[in-house]
């Protein structure tokens, strides 16, 4: 699996999880939902977004290394 494919798969997974969270959140509005969002969902979302940004920065570096080593 290529880096680009992995990045796309991760982004799609985040989008799917966000959609499911929004659907759950629409019917779940209490302190437990707020705590879950603050303690689990938002940190996970931020970490995945940071990973996606890192993959975007890494892709051209790896492509250049492959080109120089072939």
Protein backbone atom coordinates (compact mmCIF):
# COMPACT_ATOMS: atom_id res chain seq x y z
CA UNK A 1 0.00 0.00 0.00
CA UNK A 2 1.43 3.36 -0.99
CA UNK A 3 1.73 6.38 1.24
CA UNK A 4 -0.88 8.21 -0.84
CA UNK A 5 -3.30 5.30 -0.61
CA UNK A 6 -2.79 5.12 3.14
CA UNK A 7 -3.32 8.85 3.51
CA UNK A 8 -6.54 8.72 1.48
CA UNK A 9 -7.76 5.74 3.50
CA UNK A 10 -7.02 7.52 6.78
CA UNK A 11 -8.76 10.70 5.61
CA UNK A 12 -11.80 8.68 4.51
CA UNK A 13 -11.88 6.92 7.87
CA UNK A 14 -11.76 10.24 9.70
CA UNK A 15 -14.59 11.58 7.55
CA UNK A 16 -16.69 8.47 8.25
CA UNK A 17 -16.00 8.65 11.98
CA UNK A 18 -16.88 12.36 12.03
CA UNK A 19 -20.17 11.65 10.27
CA UNK A 20 -21.02 8.93 12.76
CA UNK A 21 -20.05 11.14 15.68
CA UNK A 22 -22.25 13.98 14.39
CA UNK A 23 -25.18 11.56 14.06
CA UNK A 24 -24.64 10.21 17.57
CA UNK A 25 -24.15 13.69 18.99
CA UNK A 26 -27.46 14.86 17.50
CA UNK A 27 -29.34 12.53 19.84
CA UNK A 28 -26.90 12.47 22.71
CA UNK A 29 -26.60 15.83 24.42
CA UNK A 30 -25.63 15.45 28.05
CA UNK A 31 -22.49 15.91 30.17
CA UNK A 32 -21.26 12.41 29.28
CA UNK A 33 -21.44 13.23 25.56
CA UNK A 34 -19.57 16.47 26.17
CA UNK A 35 -16.91 14.64 28.18
CA UNK A 36 -16.54 11.98 25.49
CA UNK A 37 -16.16 14.64 22.84
CA UNK A 38 -13.58 16.59 24.85
CA UNK A 39 -11.61 13.63 26.17
CA UNK A 40 -11.72 11.21 23.24
CA UNK A 41 -13.20 12.47 19.99
CA UNK A 42 -11.46 15.86 19.66
CA UNK A 43 -8.00 14.57 20.67
CA UNK A 44 -8.35 11.66 18.22
CA UNK A 45 -9.52 13.97 15.44
CA UNK A 46 -6.62 16.36 16.08
CA UNK A 47 -4.08 13.52 16.11
CA UNK A 48 -5.39 12.08 12.84
CA UNK A 49 -5.37 15.52 11.21
CA UNK A 50 -1.76 16.01 12.38
CA UNK A 51 -0.82 12.60 10.98
CA UNK A 52 -2.43 13.48 7.65
CA UNK A 53 -0.48 16.75 7.53
CA UNK A 54 2.74 14.85 8.28
CA UNK A 55 1.99 12.33 5.53
CA UNK A 56 1.43 15.20 3.10
CA UNK A 57 4.84 16.64 4.01
CA UNK A 58 6.52 13.24 3.84
CA UNK A 59 5.16 12.14 0.46
CA UNK A 60 7.32 14.41 -1.73
CA UNK A 61 10.43 13.60 0.32
CA UNK A 62 9.91 9.87 -0.18
CA UNK A 63 9.15 10.36 -3.86
CA UNK A 64 12.40 12.28 -4.29
CA UNK A 65 14.36 9.60 -2.41
CA UNK A 66 12.88 6.87 -4.61
CA UNK A 67 13.78 8.87 -7.70
CA UNK A 68 17.35 9.46 -6.55
CA UNK A 69 17.86 5.81 -5.57
CA UNK A 70 16.64 4.30 -8.83
